[in-house]
Amino acid sequence: MAFRFKLDEPIEKGFRRIGAEQIERARRQVASAADPVAEIHEARKCLKRTRALLRLAREGLGEPVFQTENARFRNISAHLAPARDDHVMRETILKLAADAPPASQRAIHRLRVAVLAELADPPAPDRDRALAELDRAVSRFQRLKIKPDEFQTLERGLSRSYRRGARYFAAAYRDNADESFHDWRKGVQSYWRHMALLSRAWPEHFDAGVGIARQLSQILGNDHDLAILKHRLPALALDALTPEERTSIADMIGERQELLRRAARPRGDMIFSERPKAFARRIAAIWSSAAAKGHADEALDAAHKLDEETRESLAGE
């Protein structure tokens, strides 16, 4: 099923439906063993969608419930993280090698050998524990309540989440710190998942926002992967790389991050250019207008059908 609210569905009902679908999808991925890396990656994406859904409904769930459920899904994802993280590390080194000048290829090769030696026996994801927790999560999710059960609750969640993303955006370029850019990526991911959840109101409009935000999330994800590699350099064995090679690799990582962050900024401006409350009000207006449009179109279609039936009846006399 699509990760979407329906215009003619109560908010609480849609919230429960979407959450249960994502949890069950994550469970199927974890239970499968055909392609562990890909399946764990897909399962963790389902859990991220579920947490985005919780953030959107946060104001209606109440803070204690939100904090409890958000922590549960974060912990489940952590049980699955090691295999995926090791795969990302390998891919990051390969990307760095593809962009490195010939003179730096030897240093990259030695880095790859050193890192692969550390990853020779990656810890297996705790599938059994994750499956048991996902089973319990479905049952809990289907009992969650949202008050009030109306779009205004999601509007408040939108405003709060958008404000958080805009704040992280400003902090990232103020501090120029790896952790600040990682925080901003989380805000961007919440934004595009919230736009996806509400996209039935105006698919063309919301899909455009989702597209640019996903581009931005990928750029910031590449930046984060490089940051992890950079911070891993000092922990490598002393004989893994010469001091000159360590400096060369750190410089390459820094240059690549600078390019990525330069590309991220205008995309951030495109997304976070509104005041949070104004942004949320605009989305709420689109949603209510789309719902009204749907009802009006149904009435118009019914009247048109009645007119056709009347004409056919008269023609038959």
C-alpha atoms as a PDB file:
ATOM      1  CA  MET A   1       0.000   0.000   0.000  1.00  0.00           C
ATOM      2  CA  ALA A   2       1.059   3.583  -0.602  1.00  0.00           C
ATOM      3  CA  PHE A   3       2.615   5.693   2.148  1.00  0.00           C
ATOM      4  CA  ARG A   4      -0.251   8.183   1.852  1.00  0.00           C
ATOM      5  CA  PHE A   5      -3.180   9.547   3.818  1.00  0.00           C
ATOM      6  CA  LYS A   6      -6.530   9.396   2.039  1.00  0.00           C
ATOM      7  CA  LEU A   7      -8.605  12.540   1.663  1.00  0.00           C
ATOM      8  CA  ASP A   8     -11.860  10.822   2.691  1.00  0.00           C
ATOM      9  CA  GLU A   9     -10.398   8.878   5.639  1.00  0.00           C
ATOM     10  CA  PRO A  10     -10.367   9.957   9.306  1.00  0.00           C
ATOM     11  CA  ILE A  11      -6.870  11.005  10.355  1.00  0.00           C
ATOM     12  CA  GLU A  12      -6.583   8.454  13.169  1.00  0.00           C
ATOM     13  CA  LYS A  13      -7.725   5.615  10.923  1.00  0.00           C
ATOM     14  CA  GLY A  14      -5.235   6.614   8.226  1.00  0.00           C
ATOM     15  CA  PHE A  15      -2.459   6.968  10.791  1.00  0.00           C
ATOM     16  CA  ARG A  16      -3.032   3.452  12.102  1.00  0.00           C
ATOM     17  CA  ARG A  17      -3.362   1.975   8.613  1.00  0.00           C
ATOM     18  CA  ILE A  18      -0.143   3.536   7.301  1.00  0.00           C
ATOM     19  CA  GLY A  19       1.852   2.662  10.409  1.00  0.00           C
ATOM     20  CA  ALA A  20       0.696  -0.966  10.438  1.00  0.00           C
ATOM     21  CA  GLU A  21       1.542  -1.299   6.735  1.00  0.00           C
ATOM     22  CA  GLN A  22       5.076   0.000   7.239  1.00  0.00           C
ATOM     23  CA  ILE A  23       5.703  -2.181  10.293  1.00  0.00           C
ATOM     24  CA  GLU A  24       4.456  -5.290   8.508  1.00  0.00           C
ATOM     25  CA  ARG A  25       6.565  -4.443   5.469  1.00  0.00           C
ATOM     26  CA  ALA A  26       9.625  -4.052   7.695  1.00  0.00           C
ATOM     27  CA  ARG A  27       8.842  -7.403   9.290  1.00  0.00           C
ATOM     28  CA  ARG A  28       8.739  -9.157   5.906  1.00  0.00           C
ATOM     29  CA  GLN A  29      12.093  -7.646   4.963  1.00  0.00           C
ATOM     30  CA  VAL A  30      13.742  -8.676   8.234  1.00  0.00           C
ATOM     31  CA  ALA A  31      12.341 -12.216   7.995  1.00  0.00           C
ATOM     32  CA  SER A  32      13.704 -12.713   4.472  1.00  0.00           C
ATOM     33  CA  ALA A  33      17.299 -13.844   3.957  1.00  0.00           C
ATOM     34  CA  ALA A  34      17.700 -13.685   0.175  1.00  0.00           C
ATOM     35  CA  ASP A  35      19.720 -10.420   0.118  1.00  0.00           C
ATOM     36  CA  PRO A  36      20.494  -9.390   3.718  1.00  0.00           C
ATOM     37  CA  VAL A  37      22.049  -5.991   2.962  1.00  0.00           C
ATOM     38  CA  ALA A  38      19.232  -4.842   0.659  1.00  0.00           C
ATOM     39  CA  GLU A  39      16.487  -6.250   2.883  1.00  0.00           C
ATOM     40  CA  ILE A  40      17.860  -4.689   6.060  1.00  0.00           C
ATOM     41  CA  HIS A  41      18.166  -1.384   4.205  1.00  0.00           C
ATOM     42  CA  GLU A  42      14.514  -1.602   3.119  1.00  0.00           C
ATOM     43  CA  ALA A  43      13.404  -2.562   6.627  1.00  0.00           C
ATOM     44  CA  ARG A  44      15.188   0.426   8.125  1.00  0.00           C
ATOM     45  CA  LYS A  45      13.555   2.723   5.552  1.00  0.00           C
ATOM     46  CA  CYS A  46      10.147   1.409   6.672  1.00  0.00           C
ATOM     47  CA  LEU A  47      11.063   2.215  10.263  1.00  0.00           C
ATOM     48  CA  LYS A  48      12.152   5.724   9.266  1.00  0.00           C
ATOM     49  CA  ARG A  49       8.802   6.235   7.535  1.00  0.00           C
ATOM     50  CA  THR A  50       7.021   5.067  10.673  1.00  0.00           C
ATOM     51  CA  ARG A  51       8.969   7.529  12.812  1.00  0.00           C
ATOM     52  CA  ALA A  52       8.170  10.342  10.354  1.00  0.00           C
ATOM     53  CA  LEU A  53       4.499   9.418  10.667  1.00  0.00           C
ATOM     54  CA  LEU A  54       4.793   9.610  14.462  1.00  0.00           C
ATOM     55  CA  ARG A  55       6.383  13.070  14.213  1.00  0.00           C
ATOM     56  CA  LEU A  56       3.572  14.296  11.983  1.00  0.00           C
ATOM     57  CA  ALA A  57       0.949  13.158  14.518  1.00  0.00           C
ATOM     58  CA  ARG A  58       3.047  14.092  17.558  1.00  0.00           C
ATOM     59  CA  GLU A  59       0.722  16.816  18.816  1.00  0.00           C
ATOM     60  CA  GLY A  60      -2.261  14.466  18.798  1.00  0.00           C
ATOM     61  CA  LEU A  61      -0.481  11.518  20.382  1.00  0.00           C
ATOM     62  CA  GLY A  62       0.798  13.442  23.375  1.00  0.00           C
ATOM     63  CA  GLU A  63       4.462  13.823  24.232  1.00  0.00           C
ATOM     64  CA  PRO A  64       4.836  10.737  26.488  1.00  0.00           C
ATOM     65  CA  VAL A  65       3.317   8.427  23.866  1.00  0.00           C
ATOM     66  CA  PHE A  66       5.349   9.987  21.051  1.00  0.00           C
ATOM     67  CA  GLN A  67       8.624   9.715  22.956  1.00  0.00           C
ATOM     68  CA  THR A  68       7.962   6.091  23.907  1.00  0.00           C
ATOM     69  CA  GLU A  69       6.980   4.924  20.424  1.00  0.00           C
ATOM     70  CA  ASN A  70       9.704   6.906  18.663  1.00  0.00           C
ATOM     71  CA  ALA A  71      12.335   5.378  20.959  1.00  0.00           C
ATOM     72  CA  ARG A  72      10.985   1.870  20.325  1.00  0.00           C
ATOM     73  CA  PHE A  73      11.346   2.165  16.553  1.00  0.00           C
ATOM     74  CA  ARG A  74      14.741   3.854  16.839  1.00  0.00           C
ATOM     75  CA  ASN A  75      15.966   0.936  18.953  1.00  0.00           C
ATOM     76  CA  ILE A  76      14.624  -1.672  16.534  1.00  0.00           C
ATOM     77  CA  SER A  77      16.480   0.056  13.715  1.00  0.00           C
ATOM     78  CA  ALA A  78      19.663   0.078  15.822  1.00  0.00           C
ATOM     79  CA  HIS A  79      19.508  -3.731  16.122  1.00  0.00           C
ATOM     80  CA  LEU A  80      19.681  -3.895  12.320  1.00  0.00           C
ATOM     81  CA  ALA A  81      22.312  -1.213  11.750  1.00  0.00           C
ATOM     82  CA  PRO A  82      25.729  -2.989  11.725  1.00  0.00           C
ATOM     83  CA  ALA A  83      25.438  -4.892   8.425  1.00  0.00           C
ATOM     84  CA  ARG A  84      24.123  -1.846   6.585  1.00  0.00           C
ATOM     85  CA  ASP A  85      26.735   0.491   8.072  1.00  0.00           C
ATOM     86  CA  ASP A  86      29.578  -1.772   6.965  1.00  0.00           C
ATOM     87  CA  HIS A  87      28.185  -1.915   3.425  1.00  0.00           C
ATOM     88  CA  VAL A  88      27.973   1.890   3.320  1.00  0.00           C
ATOM     89  CA  MET A  89      31.602   2.178   4.444  1.00  0.00           C
ATOM     90  CA  ARG A  90      32.744  -0.013   1.553  1.00  0.00           C
ATOM     91  CA  GLU A  91      30.667   1.975  -0.938  1.00  0.00           C
ATOM     92  CA  THR A  92      31.999   5.292   0.381  1.00  0.00           C
ATOM     93  CA  ILE A  93      35.609   4.216  -0.180  1.00  0.00           C
ATOM     94  CA  LEU A  94      34.785   3.113  -3.729  1.00  0.00           C
ATOM     95  CA  LYS A  95      33.178   6.499  -4.482  1.00  0.00           C
ATOM     96  CA  LEU A  96      36.205   8.302  -3.060  1.00  0.00           C
ATOM     97  CA  ALA A  97      38.491   6.188  -5.245  1.00  0.00           C
ATOM     98  CA  ALA A  98      36.457   7.016  -8.352  1.00  0.00           C
ATOM     99  CA  ASP A  99      37.002  10.759  -7.814  1.00  0.00           C
ATOM    100  CA  ALA A 100      40.614  10.578  -6.581  1.00  0.00           C
ATOM    101  CA  PRO A 101      43.544  11.648  -8.796  1.00  0.00           C
ATOM    102  CA  PRO A 102      45.986   8.938  -9.944  1.00  0.00           C
ATOM    103  CA  ALA A 103      48.606  10.043  -7.415  1.00  0.00           C
ATOM    104  CA  SER A 104      46.181   9.288  -4.563  1.00  0.00           C
ATOM    105  CA  GLN A 105      45.017   5.878  -5.743  1.00  0.00           C
ATOM    106  CA  ARG A 106      47.678   4.002  -3.777  1.00  0.00           C
ATOM    107  CA  ALA A 107      46.634   5.697  -0.534  1.00  0.00           C
ATOM    108  CA  ILE A 108      42.957   4.900  -1.244  1.00  0.00           C
ATOM    109  CA  HIS A 109      43.859   1.282  -1.940  1.00  0.00           C
ATOM    110  CA  ARG A 110      45.711   0.992   1.365  1.00  0.00           C
ATOM    111  CA  LEU A 111      42.756   2.615   3.125  1.00  0.00           C
ATOM    112  CA  ARG A 112      40.383   0.112   1.559  1.00  0.00           C
ATOM    113  CA  VAL A 113      42.555  -2.832   2.628  1.00  0.00           C
ATOM    114  CA  ALA A 114      42.769  -1.510   6.195  1.00  0.00           C
ATOM    115  CA  VAL A 115      39.042  -0.891   6.517  1.00  0.00           C
ATOM    116  CA  LEU A 116      38.084  -4.216   4.921  1.00  0.00           C
ATOM    117  CA  ALA A 117      40.335  -6.005   7.407  1.00  0.00           C
ATOM    118  CA  GLU A 118      38.322  -4.449  10.223  1.00  0.00           C
ATOM    119  CA  LEU A 119      35.052  -5.427   8.522  1.00  0.00           C
ATOM    120  CA  ALA A 120      36.077  -9.018   7.803  1.00  0.00           C
ATOM    121  CA  ASP A 121      33.619 -10.389  10.376  1.00  0.00           C
ATOM    122  CA  PRO A 122      30.764  -7.859  10.536  1.00  0.00           C
ATOM    123  CA  PRO A 123      28.299  -8.406  13.376  1.00  0.00           C
ATOM    124  CA  ALA A 124      25.072 -10.040  12.236  1.00  0.00           C
ATOM    125  CA  PRO A 125      21.874  -8.038  12.654  1.00  0.00           C
ATOM    126  CA  ASP A 126      19.746  -9.200  15.565  1.00  0.00           C
ATOM    127  CA  ARG A 127      16.863 -10.430  13.393  1.00  0.00           C
ATOM    128  CA  ASP A 128      15.082 -12.491  16.054  1.00  0.00           C
ATOM    129  CA  ARG A 129      14.941  -9.608  18.491  1.00  0.00           C
ATOM    130  CA  ALA A 130      13.820  -7.190  15.777  1.00  0.00           C
ATOM    131  CA  LEU A 131      11.058  -9.564  14.619  1.00  0.00           C
ATOM    132  CA  ALA A 132       9.731 -10.002  18.144  1.00  0.00           C
ATOM    133  CA  GLU A 133       9.705  -6.248  18.717  1.00  0.00           C
ATOM    134  CA  LEU A 134       8.006  -5.599  15.364  1.00  0.00           C
ATOM    135  CA  ASP A 135       5.264  -8.087  16.246  1.00  0.00           C
ATOM    136  CA  ARG A 136       4.587  -6.165  19.452  1.00  0.00           C
ATOM    137  CA  ALA A 137       4.824  -2.840  17.625  1.00  0.00           C
ATOM    138  CA  VAL A 138       1.964  -3.659  15.232  1.00  0.00           C
ATOM    139  CA  SER A 139      -0.363  -4.431  18.099  1.00  0.00           C
ATOM    140  CA  ARG A 140       0.557  -1.224  19.923  1.00  0.00           C
ATOM    141  CA  PHE A 141       0.295   0.956  16.837  1.00  0.00           C
ATOM    142  CA  GLN A 142      -3.239  -0.168  16.060  1.00  0.00           C
ATOM    143  CA  ARG A 143      -4.351   1.051  19.487  1.00  0.00           C
ATOM    144  CA  LEU A 144      -2.789   4.524  19.306  1.00  0.00           C
ATOM    145  CA  LYS A 145      -5.229   7.429  19.498  1.00  0.00           C
ATOM    146  CA  ILE A 146      -4.999  10.901  17.992  1.00  0.00           C
ATOM    147  CA  LYS A 147      -6.826  13.794  19.650  1.00  0.00           C
ATOM    148  CA  PRO A 148      -8.318  15.740  18.071  1.00  0.00           C
ATOM    149  CA  ASP A 149      -8.885  13.384  15.158  1.00  0.00           C
ATOM    150  CA  GLU A 150      -8.662  16.085  12.501  1.00  0.00           C
ATOM    151  CA  PHE A 151      -6.177  17.634  10.090  1.00  0.00           C
ATOM    152  CA  GLN A 152      -5.442  20.484  12.492  1.00  0.00           C
ATOM    153  CA  THR A 153      -3.411  17.982  14.526  1.00  0.00           C
ATOM    154  CA  LEU A 154      -1.219  17.201  11.514  1.00  0.00           C
ATOM    155  CA  GLU A 155      -0.936  20.918  10.765  1.00  0.00           C
ATOM    156  CA  ARG A 156       0.674  21.473  14.162  1.00  0.00           C
ATOM    157  CA  GLY A 157       3.002  18.551  13.532  1.00  0.00           C
ATOM    158  CA  LEU A 158       3.977  19.993  10.158  1.00  0.00           C
ATOM    159  CA  SER A 159       4.804  23.370  11.687  1.00  0.00           C
ATOM    160  CA  ARG A 160       6.907  21.828  14.440  1.00  0.00           C
ATOM    161  CA  SER A 161       8.841  19.536  12.103  1.00  0.00           C
ATOM    162  CA  TYR A 162       9.416  22.275   9.499  1.00  0.00           C
ATOM    163  CA  ARG A 163      10.715  24.646  12.190  1.00  0.00           C
ATOM    164  CA  ARG A 164      13.121  21.939  13.322  1.00  0.00           C
ATOM    165  CA  GLY A 165      14.395  21.408   9.755  1.00  0.00           C
ATOM    166  CA  ALA A 166      14.872  25.145   9.172  1.00  0.00           C
ATOM    167  CA  ARG A 167      16.729  25.486  12.486  1.00  0.00           C
ATOM    168  CA  TYR A 168      19.064  22.631  11.583  1.00  0.00           C
ATOM    169  CA  PHE A 169      19.628  24.179   8.147  1.00  0.00           C
ATOM    170  CA  ALA A 170      20.775  27.438   9.705  1.00  0.00           C
ATOM    171  CA  ALA A 171      22.937  25.651  12.277  1.00  0.00           C
ATOM    172  CA  ALA A 172      24.671  23.524   9.642  1.00  0.00           C
ATOM    173  CA  TYR A 173      26.043  26.512   7.729  1.00  0.00           C
ATOM    174  CA  ARG A 174      26.717  28.476  10.886  1.00  0.00           C
ATOM    175  CA  ASP A 175      28.766  25.709  12.540  1.00  0.00           C
ATOM    176  CA  ASN A 176      30.005  23.850   9.440  1.00  0.00           C
ATOM    177  CA  ALA A 177      30.161  20.763  11.670  1.00  0.00           C
ATOM    178  CA  ASP A 178      29.591  17.197  10.502  1.00  0.00           C
ATOM    179  CA  GLU A 179      27.020  16.505  13.223  1.00  0.00           C
ATOM    180  CA  SER A 180      25.060  19.644  12.327  1.00  0.00           C
ATOM    181  CA  PHE A 181      24.761  18.544   8.698  1.00  0.00           C
ATOM    182  CA  HIS A 182      23.688  15.088   9.856  1.00  0.00           C
ATOM    183  CA  ASP A 183      20.964  16.661  12.012  1.00  0.00           C
ATOM    184  CA  TRP A 184      19.825  18.719   9.037  1.00  0.00           C
ATOM    185  CA  ARG A 185      19.535  15.589   6.930  1.00  0.00           C
ATOM    186  CA  LYS A 186      17.111  14.164   9.488  1.00  0.00           C
ATOM    187  CA  GLY A 187      14.999  17.310   9.162  1.00  0.00           C
ATOM    188  CA  VAL A 188      15.042  17.049   5.370  1.00  0.00           C
ATOM    189  CA  GLN A 189      13.970  13.408   5.503  1.00  0.00           C
ATOM    190  CA  SER A 190      11.059  14.289   7.772  1.00  0.00           C
ATOM    191  CA  TYR A 191      10.020  17.018   5.325  1.00  0.00           C
ATOM    192  CA  TRP A 192       9.893  14.818   2.246  1.00  0.00           C
ATOM    193  CA  ARG A 193       8.181  11.963   4.044  1.00  0.00           C
ATOM    194  CA  HIS A 194       5.523  14.342   5.342  1.00  0.00           C
ATOM    195  CA  MET A 195       5.005  15.692   1.833  1.00  0.00           C
ATOM    196  CA  ALA A 196       4.657  12.125   0.571  1.00  0.00           C
ATOM    197  CA  LEU A 197       2.089  11.346   3.283  1.00  0.00           C
ATOM    198  CA  LEU A 198      -0.091  14.255   2.175  1.00  0.00           C
ATOM    199  CA  SER A 199       0.530  14.096  -1.569  1.00  0.00           C
ATOM    200  CA  ARG A 200      -2.927  12.830  -2.528  1.00  0.00           C
ATOM    201  CA  ALA A 201      -4.166  16.387  -2.016  1.00  0.00           C
ATOM    202  CA  TRP A 202      -2.212  17.628  -5.058  1.00  0.00           C
ATOM    203  CA  PRO A 203       0.184  15.004  -6.443  1.00  0.00           C
ATOM    204  CA  GLU A 204       2.041  17.228  -8.910  1.00  0.00           C
ATOM    205  CA  HIS A 205       2.692  19.902  -6.300  1.00  0.00           C
ATOM    206  CA  PHE A 206       3.770  17.602  -3.491  1.00  0.00           C
ATOM    207  CA  ASP A 207       5.809  15.301  -5.728  1.00  0.00           C
ATOM    208  CA  ALA A 208       7.955  18.273  -6.776  1.00  0.00           C
ATOM    209  CA  GLY A 209       8.766  18.990  -3.135  1.00  0.00           C
ATOM    210  CA  VAL A 210       9.464  15.336  -2.455  1.00  0.00           C
ATOM    211  CA  GLY A 211      11.819  15.188  -5.443  1.00  0.00           C
ATOM    212  CA  ILE A 212      14.017  18.143  -4.485  1.00  0.00           C
ATOM    213  CA  ALA A 213      14.093  17.046  -0.831  1.00  0.00           C
ATOM    214  CA  ARG A 214      15.152  13.520  -1.757  1.00  0.00           C
ATOM    215  CA  GLN A 215      17.965  14.971  -3.870  1.00  0.00           C
ATOM    216  CA  LEU A 216      19.037  17.037  -0.877  1.00  0.00           C
ATOM    217  CA  SER A 217      18.811  14.051   1.459  1.00  0.00           C
ATOM    218  CA  GLN A 218      21.068  12.032  -0.857  1.00  0.00           C
ATOM    219  CA  ILE A 219      23.646  14.836  -0.979  1.00  0.00           C
ATOM    220  CA  LEU A 220      23.631  15.140   2.803  1.00  0.00           C
ATOM    221  CA  GLY A 221      23.773  11.355   3.123  1.00  0.00           C
ATOM    222  CA  ASN A 222      26.940  11.260   1.018  1.00  0.00           C
ATOM    223  CA  ASP A 223      28.373  14.016   3.203  1.00  0.00           C
ATOM    224  CA  HIS A 224      27.586  11.991   6.337  1.00  0.00           C
ATOM    225  CA  ASP A 225      29.180   8.827   4.922  1.00  0.00           C
ATOM    226  CA  LEU A 226      32.366  10.785   4.233  1.00  0.00           C
ATOM    227  CA  ALA A 227      32.282  12.215   7.757  1.00  0.00           C
ATOM    228  CA  ILE A 228      32.114   8.704   9.233  1.00  0.00           C
ATOM    229  CA  LEU A 229      35.100   7.648   7.110  1.00  0.00           C
ATOM    230  CA  LYS A 230      37.022  10.766   8.120  1.00  0.00           C
ATOM    231  CA  HIS A 231      36.459  10.113  11.820  1.00  0.00           C
ATOM    232  CA  ARG A 232      37.487   6.497  11.340  1.00  0.00           C
ATOM    233  CA  LEU A 233      40.944   7.395  10.002  1.00  0.00           C
ATOM    234  CA  PRO A 234      42.594   8.052  13.403  1.00  0.00           C
ATOM    235  CA  ALA A 235      41.364   4.678  14.691  1.00  0.00           C
ATOM    236  CA  LEU A 236      43.132   2.664  11.976  1.00  0.00           C
ATOM    237  CA  ALA A 237      46.303   0.790  12.897  1.00  0.00           C
ATOM    238  CA  LEU A 238      49.401   2.961  12.844  1.00  0.00           C
ATOM    239  CA  ASP A 239      50.993   0.938  10.033  1.00  0.00           C
ATOM    240  CA  ALA A 240      47.831   0.960   7.888  1.00  0.00           C
ATOM    241  CA  LEU A 241      48.660   4.354   6.362  1.00  0.00           C
ATOM    242  CA  THR A 242      51.601   6.712   6.411  1.00  0.00           C
ATOM    243  CA  PRO A 243      51.063  10.174   7.963  1.00  0.00           C
ATOM    244  CA  GLU A 244      51.200  11.658   4.457  1.00  0.00           C
ATOM    245  CA  GLU A 245      48.546   9.246   3.209  1.00  0.00           C
ATOM    246  CA  ARG A 246      46.275  10.033   6.142  1.00  0.00           C
ATOM    247  CA  THR A 247      46.606  13.754   5.423  1.00  0.00           C
ATOM    248  CA  SER A 248      45.980  13.224   1.711  1.00  0.00           C
ATOM    249  CA  ILE A 249      42.817  11.195   2.326  1.00  0.00           C
ATOM    250  CA  ALA A 250      41.526  13.679   4.924  1.00  0.00           C
ATOM    251  CA  ASP A 251      42.073  16.499   2.417  1.00  0.00           C
ATOM    252  CA  MET A 252      40.200  14.606  -0.308  1.00  0.00           C
ATOM    253  CA  ILE A 253      37.298  13.987   2.048  1.00  0.00           C
ATOM    254  CA  GLY A 254      37.218  17.647   3.063  1.00  0.00           C
ATOM    255  CA  GLU A 255      37.212  18.835  -0.556  1.00  0.00           C
ATOM    256  CA  ARG A 256      34.405  16.447  -1.452  1.00  0.00           C
ATOM    257  CA  GLN A 257      32.330  17.538   1.545  1.00  0.00           C
ATOM    258  CA  GLU A 258      32.794  21.177   0.568  1.00  0.00           C
ATOM    259  CA  LEU A 259      31.396  20.457  -2.908  1.00  0.00           C
ATOM    260  CA  LEU A 260      28.451  18.540  -1.485  1.00  0.00           C
ATOM    261  CA  ARG A 261      27.604  21.254   1.017  1.00  0.00           C
ATOM    262  CA  ARG A 262      27.785  23.899  -1.688  1.00  0.00           C
ATOM    263  CA  ALA A 263      25.291  21.868  -3.753  1.00  0.00           C
ATOM    264  CA  ALA A 264      23.026  21.348  -0.734  1.00  0.00           C
ATOM    265  CA  ARG A 265      22.571  25.004   0.177  1.00  0.00           C
ATOM    266  CA  PRO A 266      20.385  26.236  -2.725  1.00  0.00           C
ATOM    267  CA  ARG A 267      18.198  23.144  -2.400  1.00  0.00           C
ATOM    268  CA  GLY A 268      17.787  23.963   1.272  1.00  0.00           C
ATOM    269  CA  ASP A 269      16.774  27.510   0.357  1.00  0.00           C
ATOM    270  CA  MET A 270      14.140  26.122  -2.012  1.00  0.00           C
ATOM    271  CA  ILE A 271      12.587  23.999   0.729  1.00  0.00           C
ATOM    272  CA  PHE A 272      12.966  26.072   3.897  1.00  0.00           C
ATOM    273  CA  SER A 273      11.997  29.491   2.572  1.00  0.00           C
ATOM    274  CA  GLU A 274       8.738  29.916   4.515  1.00  0.00           C
ATOM    275  CA  ARG A 275       7.824  30.637   8.096  1.00  0.00           C
ATOM    276  CA  PRO A 276       6.810  27.372   9.792  1.00  0.00           C
ATOM    277  CA  LYS A 277       3.250  28.392  10.680  1.00  0.00           C
ATOM    278  CA  ALA A 278       2.665  29.881   7.220  1.00  0.00           C
ATOM    279  CA  PHE A 279       3.997  26.699   5.614  1.00  0.00           C
ATOM    280  CA  ALA A 280       1.716  24.503   7.713  1.00  0.00           C
ATOM    281  CA  ARG A 281      -1.316  26.728   7.049  1.00  0.00           C
ATOM    282  CA  ARG A 282      -0.665  26.554   3.308  1.00  0.00           C
ATOM    283  CA  ILE A 283      -0.505  22.750   3.362  1.00  0.00           C
ATOM    284  CA  ALA A 284      -3.673  22.608   5.487  1.00  0.00           C
ATOM    285  CA  ALA A 285      -5.471  24.883   3.010  1.00  0.00           C
ATOM    286  CA  ILE A 286      -4.444  22.646   0.115  1.00  0.00           C
ATOM    287  CA  TRP A 287      -5.674  19.558   1.984  1.00  0.00           C
ATOM    288  CA  SER A 288      -9.068  21.053   2.867  1.00  0.00           C
ATOM    289  CA  SER A 289      -9.503  22.434  -0.649  1.00  0.00           C
ATOM    290  CA  ALA A 290      -8.649  19.057  -2.177  1.00  0.00           C
ATOM    291  CA  ALA A 291     -11.176  17.332   0.100  1.00  0.00           C
ATOM    292  CA  ALA A 292     -13.851  19.884  -0.858  1.00  0.00           C
ATOM    293  CA  LYS A 293     -12.956  19.477  -4.523  1.00  0.00           C
ATOM    294  CA  GLY A 294     -13.402  15.723  -4.236  1.00  0.00           C
ATOM    295  CA  HIS A 295     -16.880  16.070  -2.735  1.00  0.00           C
ATOM    296  CA  ALA A 296     -17.886  18.685  -5.319  1.00  0.00           C
ATOM    297  CA  ASP A 297     -16.630  16.540  -8.183  1.00  0.00           C
ATOM    298  CA  GLU A 298     -18.568  13.542  -6.868  1.00  0.00           C
ATOM    299  CA  ALA A 299     -21.756  15.619  -6.757  1.00  0.00           C
ATOM    300  CA  LEU A 300     -21.092  16.939 -10.252  1.00  0.00           C
ATOM    301  CA  ASP A 301     -20.467  13.433 -11.592  1.00  0.00           C
ATOM    302  CA  ALA A 302     -23.672  12.194  -9.963  1.00  0.00           C
ATOM    303  CA  ALA A 303     -25.653  15.052 -11.503  1.00  0.00           C
ATOM    304  CA  HIS A 304     -24.081  14.401 -14.899  1.00  0.00           C
ATOM    305  CA  LYS A 305     -24.955  10.710 -14.669  1.00  0.00           C
ATOM    306  CA  LEU A 306     -28.536  11.615 -13.714  1.00  0.00           C
ATOM    307  CA  ASP A 307     -28.773  13.964 -16.717  1.00  0.00           C
ATOM    308  CA  GLU A 308     -27.588  11.200 -19.029  1.00  0.00           C
ATOM    309  CA  GLU A 309     -30.092   8.732 -17.570  1.00  0.00           C
ATOM    310  CA  THR A 310     -32.890  11.304 -17.993  1.00  0.00           C
ATOM    311  CA  ARG A 311     -31.982  11.920 -21.639  1.00  0.00           C
ATOM    312  CA  GLU A 312     -31.836   8.181 -22.328  1.00  0.00           C
ATOM    313  CA  SER A 313     -35.243   7.713 -20.670  1.00  0.00           C
ATOM    314  CA  LEU A 314     -36.806  10.487 -22.744  1.00  0.00           C
ATOM    315  CA  ALA A 315     -35.245   9.164 -25.912  1.00  0.00           C
ATOM    316  CA  GLY A 316     -36.810   5.781 -25.267  1.00  0.00           C
ATOM    317  CA  GLU A 317     -40.380   7.108 -24.963  1.00  0.00           C
END
